[in-house]
C-alpha atoms as a PDB file:
ATOM      1  CA  MET A   1      42.900 -24.949 -17.365  1.00  0.00           C
ATOM      2  CA  GLY A   2      40.114 -27.291 -17.843  1.00  0.00           C
ATOM      3  CA  GLY A   3      39.335 -27.241 -14.153  1.00  0.00           C
ATOM      4  CA  GLY A   4      38.917 -23.510 -14.182  1.00  0.00           C
ATOM      5  CA  GLU A   5      36.547 -23.666 -17.015  1.00  0.00           C
ATOM      6  CA  ASP A   6      34.490 -26.344 -15.301  1.00  0.00           C
ATOM      7  CA  SER A   7      34.377 -24.194 -12.130  1.00  0.00           C
ATOM      8  CA  ARG A   8      33.096 -21.204 -14.098  1.00  0.00           C
ATOM      9  CA  LEU A   9      30.555 -23.288 -15.995  1.00  0.00           C
ATOM     10  CA  GLU A  10      29.499 -24.617 -12.621  1.00  0.00           C
ATOM     11  CA  ARG A  11      28.954 -21.149 -11.014  1.00  0.00           C
ATOM     12  CA  LEU A  12      27.225 -20.072 -14.257  1.00  0.00           C
ATOM     13  CA  GLY A  13      24.829 -23.204 -14.021  1.00  0.00           C
ATOM     14  CA  ARG A  14      24.109 -22.519 -10.503  1.00  0.00           C
ATOM     15  CA  LYS A  15      23.353 -18.946 -11.182  1.00  0.00           C
ATOM     16  CA  SER A  16      21.158 -19.908 -14.167  1.00  0.00           C
ATOM     17  CA  TRP A  17      19.010 -22.189 -12.037  1.00  0.00           C
ATOM     18  CA  ALA A  18      18.741 -19.656  -9.264  1.00  0.00           C
ATOM     19  CA  LEU A  19      17.514 -17.027 -11.851  1.00  0.00           C
ATOM     20  CA  LEU A  20      14.881 -19.647 -13.189  1.00  0.00           C
ATOM     21  CA  GLY A  21      13.728 -20.334  -9.559  1.00  0.00           C
ATOM     22  CA  ILE A  22      13.314 -16.579  -8.916  1.00  0.00           C
ATOM     23  CA  VAL A  23      11.285 -16.231 -12.248  1.00  0.00           C
ATOM     24  CA  GLY A  24       9.195 -19.285 -11.447  1.00  0.00           C
ATOM     25  CA  VAL A  25       8.436 -17.928  -7.869  1.00  0.00           C
ATOM     26  CA  LEU A  26       7.366 -14.624  -9.495  1.00  0.00           C
ATOM     27  CA  VAL A  27       5.223 -16.296 -12.005  1.00  0.00           C
ATOM     28  CA  LEU A  28       3.494 -18.269  -9.359  1.00  0.00           C
ATOM     29  CA  ALA A  29       3.130 -15.142  -7.137  1.00  0.00           C
ATOM     30  CA  TRP A  30       1.521 -13.327 -10.074  1.00  0.00           C
ATOM     31  CA  LEU A  31      -0.959 -16.228 -10.867  1.00  0.00           C
ATOM     32  CA  LEU A  32      -1.901 -16.268  -7.113  1.00  0.00           C
ATOM     33  CA  VAL A  33      -2.326 -12.498  -7.032  1.00  0.00           C
ATOM     34  CA  SER A  34      -4.543 -12.502 -10.148  1.00  0.00           C
ATOM     35  CA  GLN A  35      -6.863 -15.206  -8.675  1.00  0.00           C
ATOM     36  CA  LEU A  36      -7.160 -13.252  -5.404  1.00  0.00           C
ATOM     37  CA  ALA A  37      -7.345  -9.689  -6.941  1.00  0.00           C
ATOM     38  CA  VAL A  38     -10.495  -8.961  -5.135  1.00  0.00           C
ATOM     39  CA  VAL A  39      -8.676  -9.199  -1.811  1.00  0.00           C
ATOM     40  CA  VAL A  40      -5.094  -8.251  -3.036  1.00  0.00           C
ATOM     41  CA  VAL A  41      -6.088  -4.910  -4.678  1.00  0.00           C
ATOM     42  CA  PRO A  42      -7.836  -3.356  -1.623  1.00  0.00           C
ATOM     43  CA  VAL A  43      -4.934  -4.425   0.605  1.00  0.00           C
ATOM     44  CA  VAL A  44      -2.406  -2.765  -1.682  1.00  0.00           C
ATOM     45  CA  LEU A  45      -4.304   0.186  -2.296  1.00  0.00           C
ATOM     46  CA  ALA A  46      -5.012   0.598   1.550  1.00  0.00           C
ATOM     47  CA  LEU A  47      -1.061   0.729   2.016  1.00  0.00           C
ATOM     48  CA  PHE A  48      -0.893   3.884  -0.057  1.00  0.00           C
ATOM     49  CA  ALA A  49      -3.934   5.414   1.510  1.00  0.00           C
ATOM     50  CA  ALA A  50      -2.549   4.750   4.924  1.00  0.00           C
ATOM     51  CA  ALA A  51       0.851   6.285   4.083  1.00  0.00           C
ATOM     52  CA  ALA A  52      -0.830   9.317   2.882  1.00  0.00           C
ATOM     53  CA  LEU A  53      -2.878   9.549   6.239  1.00  0.00           C
ATOM     54  CA  ALA A  54       0.040   8.607   8.578  1.00  0.00           C
ATOM     55  CA  PRO A  55       1.125  12.268   9.412  1.00  0.00           C
ATOM     56  CA  VAL A  56      -2.391  12.928  10.694  1.00  0.00           C
ATOM     57  CA  VAL A  57      -2.274   9.940  12.907  1.00  0.00           C
ATOM     58  CA  ASP A  58       1.147  10.888  14.113  1.00  0.00           C
ATOM     59  CA  LEU A  59      -0.093  14.477  14.960  1.00  0.00           C
ATOM     60  CA  LEU A  60      -2.967  13.069  16.921  1.00  0.00           C
ATOM     61  CA  VAL A  61      -0.788  10.811  18.897  1.00  0.00           C
ATOM     62  CA  ARG A  62       1.613  13.633  19.766  1.00  0.00           C
ATOM     63  CA  VAL A  63      -1.404  15.320  21.469  1.00  0.00           C
ATOM     64  CA  ARG A  64      -1.914  12.364  23.545  1.00  0.00           C
ATOM     65  CA  LEU A  65      -4.650  10.594  21.671  1.00  0.00           C
ATOM     66  CA  PRO A  66      -4.290   6.739  21.684  1.00  0.00           C
ATOM     67  CA  ARG A  67      -3.194   5.489  18.337  1.00  0.00           C
ATOM     68  CA  PRO A  68      -6.296   3.334  17.603  1.00  0.00           C
ATOM     69  CA  LEU A  69      -8.477   6.374  18.165  1.00  0.00           C
ATOM     70  CA  GLY A  70      -6.198   8.628  16.148  1.00  0.00           C
ATOM     71  CA  ALA A  71      -6.407   6.147  13.183  1.00  0.00           C
ATOM     72  CA  LEU A  72     -10.081   6.126  13.423  1.00  0.00           C
ATOM     73  CA  LEU A  73     -10.271   9.925  13.410  1.00  0.00           C
ATOM     74  CA  ALA A  74      -7.958  10.080  10.515  1.00  0.00           C
ATOM     75  CA  VAL A  75      -9.910   7.595   8.420  1.00  0.00           C
ATOM     76  CA  VAL A  76     -13.252   9.406   9.383  1.00  0.00           C
ATOM     77  CA  LEU A  77     -11.522  12.776   8.320  1.00  0.00           C
ATOM     78  CA  GLY A  78     -10.239  11.346   5.107  1.00  0.00           C
ATOM     79  CA  PHE A  79     -13.714   9.823   4.218  1.00  0.00           C
ATOM     80  CA  ALA A  80     -15.331  13.135   5.004  1.00  0.00           C
ATOM     81  CA  VAL A  81     -12.944  14.894   2.711  1.00  0.00           C
ATOM     82  CA  VAL A  82     -13.408  12.519   0.071  1.00  0.00           C
ATOM     83  CA  ALA A  83     -17.252  12.515   0.470  1.00  0.00           C
ATOM     84  CA  GLY A  84     -17.387  16.303   0.345  1.00  0.00           C
ATOM     85  CA  ALA A  85     -15.423  16.384  -2.782  1.00  0.00           C
ATOM     86  CA  VAL A  86     -17.738  13.875  -4.388  1.00  0.00           C
ATOM     87  CA  LEU A  87     -20.806  15.883  -3.399  1.00  0.00           C
ATOM     88  CA  LEU A  88     -19.431  18.977  -4.630  1.00  0.00           C
ATOM     89  CA  VAL A  89     -17.865  17.721  -8.028  1.00  0.00           C
ATOM     90  CA  VAL A  90     -19.858  14.656  -9.096  1.00  0.00           C
ATOM     91  CA  PRO A  91     -23.371  15.891  -9.510  1.00  0.00           C
ATOM     92  CA  PRO A  92     -22.502  19.001 -11.645  1.00  0.00           C
ATOM     93  CA  PHE A  93     -20.107  16.744 -13.604  1.00  0.00           C
ATOM     94  CA  VAL A  94     -22.797  14.046 -14.367  1.00  0.00           C
ATOM     95  CA  ALA A  95     -25.218  16.856 -15.184  1.00  0.00           C
ATOM     96  CA  GLN A  96     -22.804  18.127 -17.889  1.00  0.00           C
ATOM     97  CA  LEU A  97     -21.561  14.704 -19.084  1.00  0.00           C
ATOM     98  CA  PRO A  98     -24.094  14.464 -21.979  1.00  0.00           C
ATOM     99  CA  HIS A  99     -22.997  18.009 -23.247  1.00  0.00           C
ATOM    100  CA  LEU A 100     -19.284  17.007 -22.854  1.00  0.00           C
ATOM    101  CA  SER A 101     -20.069  13.639 -24.854  1.00  0.00           C
ATOM    102  CA  ALA A 102     -21.842  15.571 -27.663  1.00  0.00           C
ATOM    103  CA  ALA A 103     -18.933  18.285 -27.888  1.00  0.00           C
ATOM    104  CA  LEU A 104     -16.283  15.424 -28.036  1.00  0.00           C
ATOM    105  CA  GLY A 105     -18.303  13.588 -30.557  1.00  0.00           C
ATOM    106  CA  ASN A 106     -18.415  16.780 -32.694  1.00  0.00           C
ATOM    107  CA  SER A 107     -14.737  17.241 -32.283  1.00  0.00           C
ATOM    108  CA  ALA A 108     -14.108  13.636 -33.446  1.00  0.00           C
ATOM    109  CA  LYS A 109     -16.309  14.207 -36.557  1.00  0.00           C
ATOM    110  CA  GLN A 110     -14.124  17.290 -37.541  1.00  0.00           C
ATOM    111  CA  ALA A 111     -10.943  15.344 -36.853  1.00  0.00           C
ATOM    112  CA  ASP A 112     -12.305  12.647 -39.005  1.00  0.00           C
ATOM    113  CA  ARG A 113     -12.772  14.956 -41.699  1.00  0.00           C
ATOM    114  CA  VAL A 114      -9.272  16.267 -41.512  1.00  0.00           C
ATOM    115  CA  LEU A 115      -7.621  12.974 -41.243  1.00  0.00           C
ATOM    116  CA  SER A 116      -9.683  11.317 -44.019  1.00  0.00           C
ATOM    117  CA  GLY A 117      -7.905  13.837 -46.406  1.00  0.00           C
ATOM    118  CA  LEU A 118      -4.432  12.539 -45.506  1.00  0.00           C
ATOM    119  CA  PRO A 119      -3.029  10.014 -48.139  1.00  0.00           C
ATOM    120  CA  PHE A 120      -1.575   7.623 -45.700  1.00  0.00           C
ATOM    121  CA  LEU A 121      -4.896   7.244 -43.649  1.00  0.00           C
ATOM    122  CA  GLY A 122      -7.656   7.309 -46.145  1.00  0.00           C
ATOM    123  CA  PRO A 123     -11.452   7.927 -45.762  1.00  0.00           C
ATOM    124  CA  ASP A 124     -12.042   5.109 -43.295  1.00  0.00           C
ATOM    125  CA  VAL A 125     -10.883   6.720 -40.150  1.00  0.00           C
ATOM    126  CA  ASP A 126     -13.363   6.688 -37.391  1.00  0.00           C
ATOM    127  CA  LEU A 127     -11.928   8.332 -34.202  1.00  0.00           C
ATOM    128  CA  ALA A 128     -15.184   7.846 -32.256  1.00  0.00           C
ATOM    129  CA  ALA A 129     -15.122   4.021 -32.934  1.00  0.00           C
ATOM    130  CA  ILE A 130     -11.403   3.830 -31.894  1.00  0.00           C
ATOM    131  CA  ALA A 131     -12.199   5.793 -28.625  1.00  0.00           C
ATOM    132  CA  ARG A 132     -15.041   3.524 -27.937  1.00  0.00           C
ATOM    133  CA  ARG A 133     -12.859   0.408 -28.362  1.00  0.00           C
ATOM    134  CA  VAL A 134     -10.157   1.763 -26.264  1.00  0.00           C
ATOM    135  CA  ALA A 135     -12.630   2.727 -23.537  1.00  0.00           C
ATOM    136  CA  GLY A 136     -14.165  -0.592 -23.643  1.00  0.00           C
ATOM    137  CA  GLN A 137     -10.678  -2.369 -23.150  1.00  0.00           C
ATOM    138  CA  LEU A 138      -9.868  -0.051 -20.288  1.00  0.00           C
ATOM    139  CA  LEU A 139     -13.158  -0.045 -18.599  1.00  0.00           C
ATOM    140  CA  GLY A 140     -14.483  -3.487 -19.570  1.00  0.00           C
ATOM    141  CA  GLY A 141     -17.994  -4.174 -20.902  1.00  0.00           C
ATOM    142  CA  GLY A 142     -20.686  -6.753 -20.596  1.00  0.00           C
ATOM    143  CA  SER A 143     -24.234  -7.468 -19.713  1.00  0.00           C
ATOM    144  CA  ILE A 144     -26.317  -5.846 -16.843  1.00  0.00           C
ATOM    145  CA  PRO A 145     -25.893  -8.930 -14.481  1.00  0.00           C
ATOM    146  CA  ALA A 146     -22.112  -8.539 -15.082  1.00  0.00           C
ATOM    147  CA  ALA A 147     -22.206  -4.830 -14.308  1.00  0.00           C
ATOM    148  CA  LEU A 148     -24.246  -5.441 -11.193  1.00  0.00           C
ATOM    149  CA  GLY A 149     -21.678  -8.060 -10.020  1.00  0.00           C
ATOM    150  CA  THR A 150     -18.925  -5.504 -10.610  1.00  0.00           C
ATOM    151  CA  VAL A 151     -20.758  -2.926  -8.419  1.00  0.00           C
ATOM    152  CA  VAL A 152     -21.148  -5.425  -5.551  1.00  0.00           C
ATOM    153  CA  THR A 153     -17.499  -6.483  -5.944  1.00  0.00           C
ATOM    154  CA  ALA A 154     -16.417  -2.754  -5.993  1.00  0.00           C
ATOM    155  CA  LEU A 155     -18.516  -2.060  -2.764  1.00  0.00           C
ATOM    156  CA  SER A 156     -17.160  -5.059  -0.987  1.00  0.00           C
ATOM    157  CA  SER A 157     -13.631  -4.068  -1.856  1.00  0.00           C
ATOM    158  CA  ALA A 158     -14.162  -0.328  -0.785  1.00  0.00           C
ATOM    159  CA  VAL A 159     -15.360  -1.683   2.661  1.00  0.00           C
ATOM    160  CA  LEU A 160     -12.358  -4.111   2.912  1.00  0.00           C
ATOM    161  CA  LEU A 161     -10.014  -1.145   1.935  1.00  0.00           C
ATOM    162  CA  VAL A 162     -11.372   1.074   4.792  1.00  0.00           C
ATOM    163  CA  VAL A 163     -10.944  -1.794   7.188  1.00  0.00           C
ATOM    164  CA  VAL A 164      -7.428  -2.402   6.141  1.00  0.00           C
ATOM    165  CA  VAL A 165      -6.455   1.310   6.086  1.00  0.00           C
ATOM    166  CA  LEU A 166      -7.731   1.501   9.657  1.00  0.00           C
ATOM    167  CA  PHE A 167      -5.615  -1.499  10.689  1.00  0.00           C
ATOM    168  CA  TYR A 168      -2.502  -0.267   8.885  1.00  0.00           C
ATOM    169  CA  LEU A 169      -2.668   3.096  10.757  1.00  0.00           C
ATOM    170  CA  ALA A 170      -3.493   1.402  14.223  1.00  0.00           C
ATOM    171  CA  GLU A 171      -1.453  -1.700  14.054  1.00  0.00           C
ATOM    172  CA  GLY A 172       0.976  -1.159  11.167  1.00  0.00           C
ATOM    173  CA  ARG A 173       3.995  -1.005  13.266  1.00  0.00           C
ATOM    174  CA  TRP A 174       3.302  -4.227  15.050  1.00  0.00           C
ATOM    175  CA  LEU A 175       2.491  -5.836  11.507  1.00  0.00           C
ATOM    176  CA  ALA A 176       5.809  -4.587   9.992  1.00  0.00           C
ATOM    177  CA  ALA A 177       7.808  -5.633  12.999  1.00  0.00           C
ATOM    178  CA  ALA A 178       6.350  -9.079  12.844  1.00  0.00           C
ATOM    179  CA  LEU A 179       7.260  -9.470   9.084  1.00  0.00           C
ATOM    180  CA  VAL A 180      10.756  -8.193   9.674  1.00  0.00           C
ATOM    181  CA  GLY A 181      11.098 -10.588  12.588  1.00  0.00           C
ATOM    182  CA  TRP A 182      11.131 -13.615  10.164  1.00  0.00           C
ATOM    183  CA  LEU A 183      14.275 -12.248   8.535  1.00  0.00           C
ATOM    184  CA  PRO A 184      17.892 -13.137   9.762  1.00  0.00           C
ATOM    185  CA  ARG A 185      18.665 -10.889  12.702  1.00  0.00           C
ATOM    186  CA  ALA A 186      21.672  -9.371  11.105  1.00  0.00           C
ATOM    187  CA  ARG A 187      19.403  -7.888   8.316  1.00  0.00           C
ATOM    188  CA  GLN A 188      16.388  -6.855  10.477  1.00  0.00           C
ATOM    189  CA  ASP A 189      17.625  -3.197  11.237  1.00  0.00           C
ATOM    190  CA  GLU A 190      18.586  -2.442   7.574  1.00  0.00           C
ATOM    191  CA  VAL A 191      15.221  -3.872   6.189  1.00  0.00           C
ATOM    192  CA  TRP A 192      13.392  -1.999   8.730  1.00  0.00           C
ATOM    193  CA  ARG A 193      15.022   1.319   7.903  1.00  0.00           C
ATOM    194  CA  VAL A 194      14.421   0.734   4.162  1.00  0.00           C
ATOM    195  CA  ALA A 195      10.921   0.053   4.763  1.00  0.00           C
ATOM    196  CA  VAL A 196      10.372   3.120   6.716  1.00  0.00           C
ATOM    197  CA  GLU A 197      12.001   5.075   4.002  1.00  0.00           C
ATOM    198  CA  LEU A 198       9.602   3.448   1.446  1.00  0.00           C
ATOM    199  CA  TRP A 199       6.559   4.372   3.704  1.00  0.00           C
ATOM    200  CA  HIS A 200       7.679   8.011   3.580  1.00  0.00           C
ATOM    201  CA  VAL A 201       8.327   7.754  -0.061  1.00  0.00           C
ATOM    202  CA  VAL A 202       4.683   6.425  -0.968  1.00  0.00           C
ATOM    203  CA  GLY A 203       2.982   8.977   1.463  1.00  0.00           C
ATOM    204  CA  ARG A 204       4.875  12.077   0.334  1.00  0.00           C
ATOM    205  CA  TYR A 205       4.308  10.943  -3.327  1.00  0.00           C
ATOM    206  CA  PHE A 206       0.535  10.676  -3.030  1.00  0.00           C
ATOM    207  CA  ARG A 207       0.300  13.891  -0.977  1.00  0.00           C
ATOM    208  CA  ALA A 208       2.252  15.747  -3.391  1.00  0.00           C
ATOM    209  CA  LEU A 209       0.280  14.258  -6.214  1.00  0.00           C
ATOM    210  CA  LEU A 210      -2.806  15.618  -4.802  1.00  0.00           C
ATOM    211  CA  VAL A 211      -1.381  19.133  -4.747  1.00  0.00           C
ATOM    212  CA  VAL A 212      -0.028  18.836  -8.332  1.00  0.00           C
ATOM    213  CA  ALA A 213      -3.404  17.561  -9.632  1.00  0.00           C
ATOM    214  CA  LEU A 214      -5.300  20.293  -7.959  1.00  0.00           C
ATOM    215  CA  PHE A 215      -2.751  23.005  -9.453  1.00  0.00           C
ATOM    216  CA  ASP A 216      -3.315  21.578 -12.913  1.00  0.00           C
ATOM    217  CA  ALA A 217      -7.204  21.543 -12.625  1.00  0.00           C
ATOM    218  CA  VAL A 218      -7.580  25.074 -11.053  1.00  0.00           C
ATOM    219  CA  PHE A 219      -5.389  26.884 -13.412  1.00  0.00           C
ATOM    220  CA  ILE A 220      -6.429  25.050 -16.650  1.00  0.00           C
ATOM    221  CA  GLY A 221     -10.148  25.264 -15.478  1.00  0.00           C
ATOM    222  CA  ALA A 222      -9.590  29.014 -14.948  1.00  0.00           C
ATOM    223  CA  GLY A 223      -8.188  29.436 -18.264  1.00  0.00           C
ATOM    224  CA  LEU A 224     -10.893  27.620 -19.959  1.00  0.00           C
ATOM    225  CA  ALA A 225     -13.568  29.746 -18.009  1.00  0.00           C
ATOM    226  CA  LEU A 226     -11.665  32.928 -18.937  1.00  0.00           C
ATOM    227  CA  LEU A 227     -11.785  31.967 -22.659  1.00  0.00           C
ATOM    228  CA  SER A 228     -15.569  31.150 -22.368  1.00  0.00           C
ATOM    229  CA  VAL A 229     -14.963  27.540 -23.368  1.00  0.00           C
ATOM    230  CA  PRO A 230     -18.171  25.580 -22.498  1.00  0.00           C
ATOM    231  CA  LEU A 231     -18.022  22.595 -20.170  1.00  0.00           C
ATOM    232  CA  ALA A 232     -14.807  24.274 -18.216  1.00  0.00           C
ATOM    233  CA  PHE A 233     -15.920  22.416 -14.926  1.00  0.00           C
ATOM    234  CA  PRO A 234     -16.110  18.878 -16.200  1.00  0.00           C
ATOM    235  CA  LEU A 235     -12.996  19.503 -18.279  1.00  0.00           C
ATOM    236  CA  ALA A 236     -11.091  20.726 -15.093  1.00  0.00           C
ATOM    237  CA  VAL A 237     -12.198  17.430 -13.306  1.00  0.00           C
ATOM    238  CA  LEU A 238     -10.922  15.449 -16.149  1.00  0.00           C
ATOM    239  CA  VAL A 239      -7.673  17.446 -15.876  1.00  0.00           C
ATOM    240  CA  TYR A 240      -7.448  16.531 -12.063  1.00  0.00           C
ATOM    241  CA  LEU A 241      -8.119  13.000 -12.617  1.00  0.00           C
ATOM    242  CA  GLY A 242      -5.652  12.769 -15.491  1.00  0.00           C
ATOM    243  CA  ALA A 243      -2.734  14.249 -13.338  1.00  0.00           C
ATOM    244  CA  PHE A 244      -2.721  11.068 -11.453  1.00  0.00           C
ATOM    245  CA  LEU A 245      -1.054   9.467 -14.566  1.00  0.00           C
ATOM    246  CA  PRO A 246       2.114  11.551 -14.965  1.00  0.00           C
ATOM    247  CA  TYR A 247       2.948  12.884 -18.408  1.00  0.00           C
ATOM    248  CA  LEU A 248       0.265  10.594 -20.228  1.00  0.00           C
ATOM    249  CA  GLY A 249      -2.756  11.679 -18.216  1.00  0.00           C
ATOM    250  CA  ALA A 250      -1.902  15.497 -18.506  1.00  0.00           C
ATOM    251  CA  VAL A 251      -1.467  15.069 -22.324  1.00  0.00           C
ATOM    252  CA  VAL A 252      -4.838  13.183 -22.793  1.00  0.00           C
ATOM    253  CA  SER A 253      -6.839  15.571 -20.603  1.00  0.00           C
ATOM    254  CA  GLY A 254      -5.238  18.656 -22.074  1.00  0.00           C
ATOM    255  CA  MET A 255      -5.966  17.501 -25.694  1.00  0.00           C
ATOM    256  CA  LEU A 256      -9.648  16.863 -24.711  1.00  0.00           C
ATOM    257  CA  ALA A 257      -9.941  20.379 -23.557  1.00  0.00           C
ATOM    258  CA  VAL A 258      -8.380  21.612 -27.042  1.00  0.00           C
ATOM    259  CA  LEU A 259     -10.798  19.396 -28.967  1.00  0.00           C
ATOM    260  CA  VAL A 260     -13.864  20.707 -27.144  1.00  0.00           C
ATOM    261  CA  ALA A 261     -12.622  24.263 -27.670  1.00  0.00           C
ATOM    262  CA  ALA A 262     -12.029  23.576 -31.334  1.00  0.00           C
ATOM    263  CA  ALA A 263     -15.553  22.244 -31.680  1.00  0.00           C
ATOM    264  CA  GLU A 264     -17.402  24.770 -29.662  1.00  0.00           C
ATOM    265  CA  ARG A 265     -15.268  28.109 -30.255  1.00  0.00           C
ATOM    266  CA  GLY A 266     -13.211  27.609 -33.236  1.00  0.00           C
ATOM    267  CA  ILE A 267      -9.587  26.968 -33.987  1.00  0.00           C
ATOM    268  CA  PHE A 268      -8.359  30.270 -32.609  1.00  0.00           C
ATOM    269  CA  THR A 269      -9.802  29.616 -29.107  1.00  0.00           C
ATOM    270  CA  ALA A 270      -8.461  25.963 -29.374  1.00  0.00           C
ATOM    271  CA  VAL A 271      -4.926  27.371 -29.928  1.00  0.00           C
ATOM    272  CA  LEU A 272      -5.312  29.581 -26.932  1.00  0.00           C
ATOM    273  CA  VAL A 273      -6.447  26.769 -24.815  1.00  0.00           C
ATOM    274  CA  LEU A 274      -3.298  24.696 -25.947  1.00  0.00           C
ATOM    275  CA  VAL A 275      -1.135  27.580 -24.782  1.00  0.00           C
ATOM    276  CA  VAL A 276      -2.782  27.544 -21.522  1.00  0.00           C
ATOM    277  CA  VAL A 277      -2.393  24.008 -21.181  1.00  0.00           C
ATOM    278  CA  LEU A 278       1.255  24.043 -22.145  1.00  0.00           C
ATOM    279  CA  VAL A 279       2.083  26.836 -19.751  1.00  0.00           C
ATOM    280  CA  VAL A 280       0.466  25.307 -16.912  1.00  0.00           C
ATOM    281  CA  GLN A 281       2.166  22.053 -17.457  1.00  0.00           C
ATOM    282  CA  GLN A 282       5.557  23.771 -17.823  1.00  0.00           C
ATOM    283  CA  VAL A 283       5.027  25.646 -14.530  1.00  0.00           C
ATOM    284  CA  GLU A 284       4.009  22.306 -12.881  1.00  0.00           C
ATOM    285  CA  GLY A 285       6.804  20.227 -14.245  1.00  0.00           C
ATOM    286  CA  ASN A 286       9.729  22.763 -13.718  1.00  0.00           C
ATOM    287  CA  VAL A 287       8.509  24.572 -10.639  1.00  0.00           C
ATOM    288  CA  LEU A 288       5.848  22.895  -8.707  1.00  0.00           C
ATOM    289  CA  GLN A 289       6.807  19.293  -9.026  1.00  0.00           C
ATOM    290  CA  PRO A 290      10.495  19.776  -7.996  1.00  0.00           C
ATOM    291  CA  LEU A 291       9.117  22.011  -5.003  1.00  0.00           C
ATOM    292  CA  VAL A 292       6.609  19.501  -3.569  1.00  0.00           C
ATOM    293  CA  MET A 293       8.108  16.234  -4.574  1.00  0.00           C
ATOM    294  CA  GLY A 294      11.790  17.069  -4.226  1.00  0.00           C
ATOM    295  CA  LYS A 295      13.862  13.783  -4.859  1.00  0.00           C
ATOM    296  CA  ILE A 296      10.845  11.327  -4.417  1.00  0.00           C
ATOM    297  CA  VAL A 297      10.622  10.315  -7.998  1.00  0.00           C
ATOM    298  CA  ARG A 298      13.852  10.647  -9.954  1.00  0.00           C
ATOM    299  CA  VAL A 299      12.812   8.056 -12.623  1.00  0.00           C
ATOM    300  CA  PRO A 300      13.294   9.556 -16.133  1.00  0.00           C
ATOM    301  CA  ALA A 301      10.210  10.346 -18.127  1.00  0.00           C
ATOM    302  CA  PHE A 302      10.739   7.589 -20.601  1.00  0.00           C
ATOM    303  CA  VAL A 303      10.918   4.992 -17.770  1.00  0.00           C
ATOM    304  CA  VAL A 304       7.762   6.410 -16.373  1.00  0.00           C
ATOM    305  CA  LEU A 305       5.885   6.061 -19.573  1.00  0.00           C
ATOM    306  CA  VAL A 306       7.141   2.494 -20.027  1.00  0.00           C
ATOM    307  CA  VAL A 307       6.093   1.361 -16.517  1.00  0.00           C
ATOM    308  CA  ILE A 308       2.670   2.946 -16.930  1.00  0.00           C
ATOM    309  CA  ALA A 309       2.291   1.028 -20.187  1.00  0.00           C
ATOM    310  CA  VAL A 310       3.246  -2.172 -18.490  1.00  0.00           C
ATOM    311  CA  GLY A 311       0.907  -1.514 -15.409  1.00  0.00           C
ATOM    312  CA  SER A 312      -2.062  -0.750 -17.590  1.00  0.00           C
ATOM    313  CA  THR A 313      -1.335  -3.943 -19.430  1.00  0.00           C
ATOM    314  CA  LEU A 314      -1.195  -6.074 -16.349  1.00  0.00           C
ATOM    315  CA  LEU A 315      -3.785  -4.281 -14.198  1.00  0.00           C
ATOM    316  CA  GLY A 316      -5.537  -1.742 -16.335  1.00  0.00           C
ATOM    317  CA  VAL A 317      -6.289   1.514 -14.914  1.00  0.00           C
ATOM    318  CA  LEU A 318      -5.275   0.454 -11.379  1.00  0.00           C
ATOM    319  CA  GLY A 319      -1.937  -0.691 -12.763  1.00  0.00           C
ATOM    320  CA  ALA A 320      -1.219   2.587 -14.470  1.00  0.00           C
ATOM    321  CA  PHE A 321      -2.130   4.516 -11.313  1.00  0.00           C
ATOM    322  CA  LEU A 322       0.222   2.395  -8.969  1.00  0.00           C
ATOM    323  CA  ALA A 323       3.075   2.137 -11.742  1.00  0.00           C
ATOM    324  CA  VAL A 324       4.905   5.395 -10.850  1.00  0.00           C
ATOM    325  CA  PRO A 325       5.050   4.919  -6.966  1.00  0.00           C
ATOM    326  CA  ALA A 326       6.028   1.236  -7.563  1.00  0.00           C
ATOM    327  CA  ALA A 327       8.910   2.557  -9.788  1.00  0.00           C
ATOM    328  CA  ALA A 328       9.900   5.112  -7.278  1.00  0.00           C
ATOM    329  CA  CYS A 329      10.166   2.555  -4.558  1.00  0.00           C
ATOM    330  CA  THR A 330      12.138   0.227  -6.838  1.00  0.00           C
ATOM    331  CA  ASP A 331      14.583   3.005  -7.831  1.00  0.00           C
ATOM    332  CA  HIS A 332      14.875   3.876  -3.924  1.00  0.00           C
ATOM    333  CA  VAL A 333      15.632   0.188  -3.142  1.00  0.00           C
ATOM    334  CA  LEU A 334      18.225  -0.066  -5.971  1.00  0.00           C
ATOM    335  CA  ARG A 335      20.040   3.116  -4.845  1.00  0.00           C
ATOM    336  CA  HIS A 336      20.048   1.757  -1.231  1.00  0.00           C
ATOM    337  CA  LEU A 337      21.779  -1.441  -2.506  1.00  0.00           C
ATOM    338  CA  ARG A 338      24.346   0.576  -4.224  1.00  0.00           C
ATOM    339  CA  GLY A 339      24.832   2.608  -1.102  1.00  0.00           C
ATOM    340  CA  GLY A 340      23.495   5.885  -2.450  1.00  0.00           C
ATOM    341  CA  THR A 341      20.005   6.088  -0.829  1.00  0.00           C
ATOM    342  CA  ASP A 342      18.664   9.320   0.409  1.00  0.00           C
ATOM    343  CA  GLU A 343      16.575  10.004   3.361  1.00  0.00           C
ATOM    344  CA  CYS A 344      13.002  10.578   2.244  1.00  0.00           C
ATOM    345  CA  GLY A 345      11.375  11.145   5.623  1.00  0.00           C
END
């Protein structure tokens, strides 16, 4: 009897030490990544961008173009689309940004007056100050030299991202094969199959997310324009950007539209804007997302919100952006280990 207890304790001790070793490796990896964020972040983002562009490269290869040339054309096409969107959207958005800021300021003052009358908050509520503090924590702050340094770092990271995307598209199969080749031969086929499935999951997720975000922005922006809400275009842009943070981003961008409508057109128009936002979100969540995403993201909404919060805590806006695809890939791997994986290609 005592021998059996000793054996169980010995196995428990080995498992505990193994768990501590895994945690230690993860902590060391996190410390290393945080020190090399300027390099690691573009390399990770390039993986998602390359997964989204991969079908274009495959199509060009099928029409007898060499893969490196197809990768170059795909990157140039993607860059042209992004640059065209920026030229169409950013100048009018920046031109109306001061008006949007003033409208949100008026909305915050009105909300302050309402909240100050609530007994559990008191008269010292200042939504504008709270919003400034939150924005400062998310986006950071500092002196002009620090801002210039941030710009230089961002430009160098952007150049690295483009180069890495090109490499992934042109030589990604060779890189993946080389990495899988380090594994035991008995596991190589299984790991390769899972890696290909995750590649498809990430690519389909981001392509579907572009469609969902465009749907939200077009229909909410059209509703704002029909209701004669000022600043409909910049609000639609904010809705588009907010759609890249599932659930949370849609709520925040929708509430901004409601606040602007309340400040500029009154409570009745604000209620109509709220109805438009809710209807569009319901159609998107119950019709469009299942249609374009299928079984890509089957993570519950509560888990999505938690992983977004964890991602934003660790990596700010970037972490919040990458949290959902990371959770989807983790869910896919766990289902594969349980023997219930689905093909996502």
